[in-house]
Amino acid sequence: MFYRLTNEVLRLYVKLIPRASKDEIKAVETIADKEYLVIRVRAVPEKGEANRALLKLLVKQLNVSANSIKLINGASSRLKQVAIAMANDDIVNKLHDWQKKTR
């Protein structure tokens, strides 16, 4: 599973692809027996621009506040972990929908 929910905090495992033609949630991919949500952003991976674009896209797509989401691991890597505080059933349902659409 590309996410884990504990105590209303959702941990999302992401493979970020910068310099894409558009910002989009693309697929679910398995890497070393772990699933990642593949997200493409137009931003370049310099000075945190791609990371900011990732968080901005997730805020918009999941309809959460910018204050409730943060990058917790992988600042300089393509494989990242994002934490979303106060995660609810709507967010989890949206993640399930993404998983179905990208398989």
C-alpha atoms as a PDB file:
ATOM      1  CA  MET A   1       0.000   0.000   0.000  1.00  0.00           C
ATOM      2  CA  PHE A   2       1.385   3.425  -0.906  1.00  0.00           C
ATOM      3  CA  TYR A   3       0.062   5.012   2.290  1.00  0.00           C
ATOM      4  CA  ARG A   4      -0.325   4.276   5.977  1.00  0.00           C
ATOM      5  CA  LEU A   5      -2.857   5.834   8.350  1.00  0.00           C
ATOM      6  CA  THR A   6      -2.127   6.035  12.076  1.00  0.00           C
ATOM      7  CA  ASN A   7      -3.746   8.316  14.653  1.00  0.00           C
ATOM      8  CA  GLU A   8      -5.308  10.590  12.025  1.00  0.00           C
ATOM      9  CA  VAL A   9      -1.928  11.137  10.347  1.00  0.00           C
ATOM     10  CA  LEU A  10      -1.603   9.734   6.876  1.00  0.00           C
ATOM     11  CA  ARG A  11       1.856   8.883   5.611  1.00  0.00           C
ATOM     12  CA  LEU A  12       1.993   8.893   1.815  1.00  0.00           C
ATOM     13  CA  TYR A  13       4.861   7.242  -0.082  1.00  0.00           C
ATOM     14  CA  VAL A  14       5.607   9.128  -3.296  1.00  0.00           C
ATOM     15  CA  LYS A  15       7.922   8.764  -6.252  1.00  0.00           C
ATOM     16  CA  LEU A  16       8.326  12.283  -7.603  1.00  0.00           C
ATOM     17  CA  ILE A  17       9.225  12.917 -11.238  1.00  0.00           C
ATOM     18  CA  PRO A  18      10.274  16.543 -11.805  1.00  0.00           C
ATOM     19  CA  ARG A  19      10.526  18.368 -15.145  1.00  0.00           C
ATOM     20  CA  ALA A  20       7.362  16.686 -16.455  1.00  0.00           C
ATOM     21  CA  SER A  21       5.149  18.119 -19.176  1.00  0.00           C
ATOM     22  CA  LYS A  22       2.323  18.607 -16.659  1.00  0.00           C
ATOM     23  CA  ASP A  23       1.491  18.226 -12.991  1.00  0.00           C
ATOM     24  CA  GLU A  24      -0.344  14.952 -12.452  1.00  0.00           C
ATOM     25  CA  ILE A  25      -0.847  11.883 -10.316  1.00  0.00           C
ATOM     26  CA  LYS A  26       0.258   9.180 -12.701  1.00  0.00           C
ATOM     27  CA  ALA A  27       0.385   5.651 -11.275  1.00  0.00           C
ATOM     28  CA  VAL A  28       1.156   3.321  -8.422  1.00  0.00           C
ATOM     29  CA  GLU A  29       4.541   1.661  -8.826  1.00  0.00           C
ATOM     30  CA  THR A  30       6.261  -1.053  -6.823  1.00  0.00           C
ATOM     31  CA  ILE A  31       9.920  -0.451  -6.003  1.00  0.00           C
ATOM     32  CA  ALA A  32      11.811  -2.953  -3.855  1.00  0.00           C
ATOM     33  CA  ASP A  33       8.573  -4.539  -2.598  1.00  0.00           C
ATOM     34  CA  LYS A  34       7.082  -1.180  -1.573  1.00  0.00           C
ATOM     35  CA  GLU A  35       4.351   0.735  -3.372  1.00  0.00           C
ATOM     36  CA  TYR A  36       4.727   4.402  -4.268  1.00  0.00           C
ATOM     37  CA  LEU A  37       2.288   6.861  -5.759  1.00  0.00           C
ATOM     38  CA  VAL A  38       3.990   8.275  -8.851  1.00  0.00           C
ATOM     39  CA  ILE A  39       3.485  12.020  -9.155  1.00  0.00           C
ATOM     40  CA  ARG A  40       4.830  14.180 -11.964  1.00  0.00           C
ATOM     41  CA  VAL A  41       5.421  17.927 -11.624  1.00  0.00           C
ATOM     42  CA  ARG A  42       6.660  20.561 -14.067  1.00  0.00           C
ATOM     43  CA  ALA A  43       8.965  22.162 -11.498  1.00  0.00           C
ATOM     44  CA  VAL A  44      12.704  21.576 -11.571  1.00  0.00           C
ATOM     45  CA  PRO A  45      14.436  19.774  -8.695  1.00  0.00           C
ATOM     46  CA  GLU A  46      16.367  22.850  -7.565  1.00  0.00           C
ATOM     47  CA  LYS A  47      16.099  24.752  -4.283  1.00  0.00           C
ATOM     48  CA  GLY A  48      13.064  22.693  -3.233  1.00  0.00           C
ATOM     49  CA  GLU A  49      10.899  23.824  -6.160  1.00  0.00           C
ATOM     50  CA  ALA A  50       9.769  20.288  -7.093  1.00  0.00           C
ATOM     51  CA  ASN A  51       8.989  19.493  -3.451  1.00  0.00           C
ATOM     52  CA  ARG A  52       6.870  22.642  -3.135  1.00  0.00           C
ATOM     53  CA  ALA A  53       5.064  21.755  -6.371  1.00  0.00           C
ATOM     54  CA  LEU A  54       4.377  18.258  -5.007  1.00  0.00           C
ATOM     55  CA  LEU A  55       2.854  19.609  -1.798  1.00  0.00           C
ATOM     56  CA  LYS A  56       0.831  22.209  -3.713  1.00  0.00           C
ATOM     57  CA  LEU A  57      -0.578  19.512  -6.021  1.00  0.00           C
ATOM     58  CA  LEU A  58      -1.504  17.267  -3.091  1.00  0.00           C
ATOM     59  CA  VAL A  59      -3.175  20.156  -1.236  1.00  0.00           C
ATOM     60  CA  LYS A  60      -5.301  20.846  -4.289  1.00  0.00           C
ATOM     61  CA  GLN A  61      -6.123  17.227  -5.158  1.00  0.00           C
ATOM     62  CA  LEU A  62      -6.872  16.117  -1.588  1.00  0.00           C
ATOM     63  CA  ASN A  63      -8.596  19.358  -0.599  1.00  0.00           C
ATOM     64  CA  VAL A  64      -6.555  19.804   2.582  1.00  0.00           C
ATOM     65  CA  SER A  65      -5.002  22.915   4.082  1.00  0.00           C
ATOM     66  CA  ALA A  66      -1.382  23.696   3.322  1.00  0.00           C
ATOM     67  CA  ASN A  67      -0.691  23.694   7.062  1.00  0.00           C
ATOM     68  CA  SER A  68      -1.763  20.062   7.409  1.00  0.00           C
ATOM     69  CA  ILE A  69       0.711  18.627   4.899  1.00  0.00           C
ATOM     70  CA  LYS A  70       4.499  18.392   5.033  1.00  0.00           C
ATOM     71  CA  LEU A  71       7.405  16.541   3.525  1.00  0.00           C
ATOM     72  CA  ILE A  72       8.913  14.352   6.242  1.00  0.00           C
ATOM     73  CA  ASN A  73      11.500  12.356   4.319  1.00  0.00           C
ATOM     74  CA  GLY A  74      13.284  12.438   0.970  1.00  0.00           C
ATOM     75  CA  ALA A  75      13.897  16.146   0.419  1.00  0.00           C
ATOM     76  CA  SER A  76      16.691  15.426  -2.066  1.00  0.00           C
ATOM     77  CA  SER A  77      15.452  12.051  -3.311  1.00  0.00           C
ATOM     78  CA  ARG A  78      12.796  11.005  -5.811  1.00  0.00           C
ATOM     79  CA  LEU A  79      11.330   8.669  -3.178  1.00  0.00           C
ATOM     80  CA  LYS A  80       9.563  10.736  -0.551  1.00  0.00           C
ATOM     81  CA  GLN A  81       7.274  10.517   2.439  1.00  0.00           C
ATOM     82  CA  VAL A  82       4.560  13.094   2.967  1.00  0.00           C
ATOM     83  CA  ALA A  83       2.570  13.426   6.181  1.00  0.00           C
ATOM     84  CA  ILE A  84      -1.000  14.679   6.141  1.00  0.00           C
ATOM     85  CA  ALA A  85      -2.441  15.585   9.544  1.00  0.00           C
ATOM     86  CA  MET A  86      -6.128  15.221  10.348  1.00  0.00           C
ATOM     87  CA  ALA A  87      -6.651  12.710   7.531  1.00  0.00           C
ATOM     88  CA  ASN A  88     -10.270  11.665   7.147  1.00  0.00           C
ATOM     89  CA  ASP A  89     -12.321   9.109   5.241  1.00  0.00           C
ATOM     90  CA  ASP A  90     -12.652  11.434   2.230  1.00  0.00           C
ATOM     91  CA  ILE A  91      -8.881  11.492   1.787  1.00  0.00           C
ATOM     92  CA  VAL A  92      -8.568   7.729   2.174  1.00  0.00           C
ATOM     93  CA  ASN A  93     -11.386   7.195  -0.352  1.00  0.00           C
ATOM     94  CA  LYS A  94      -9.641   9.490  -2.829  1.00  0.00           C
ATOM     95  CA  LEU A  95      -6.417   7.482  -2.411  1.00  0.00           C
ATOM     96  CA  HIS A  96      -8.322   4.261  -3.100  1.00  0.00           C
ATOM     97  CA  ASP A  97      -9.777   5.843  -6.244  1.00  0.00           C
ATOM     98  CA  TRP A  98      -6.292   6.849  -7.414  1.00  0.00           C
ATOM     99  CA  GLN A  99      -5.064   3.332  -6.848  1.00  0.00           C
ATOM    100  CA  LYS A 100      -7.896   1.864  -8.915  1.00  0.00           C
ATOM    101  CA  LYS A 101      -7.419   4.336 -11.765  1.00  0.00           C
ATOM    102  CA  THR A 102      -3.665   3.892 -11.999  1.00  0.00           C
ATOM    103  CA  ARG A 103      -3.526   0.103 -12.045  1.00  0.00           C
END
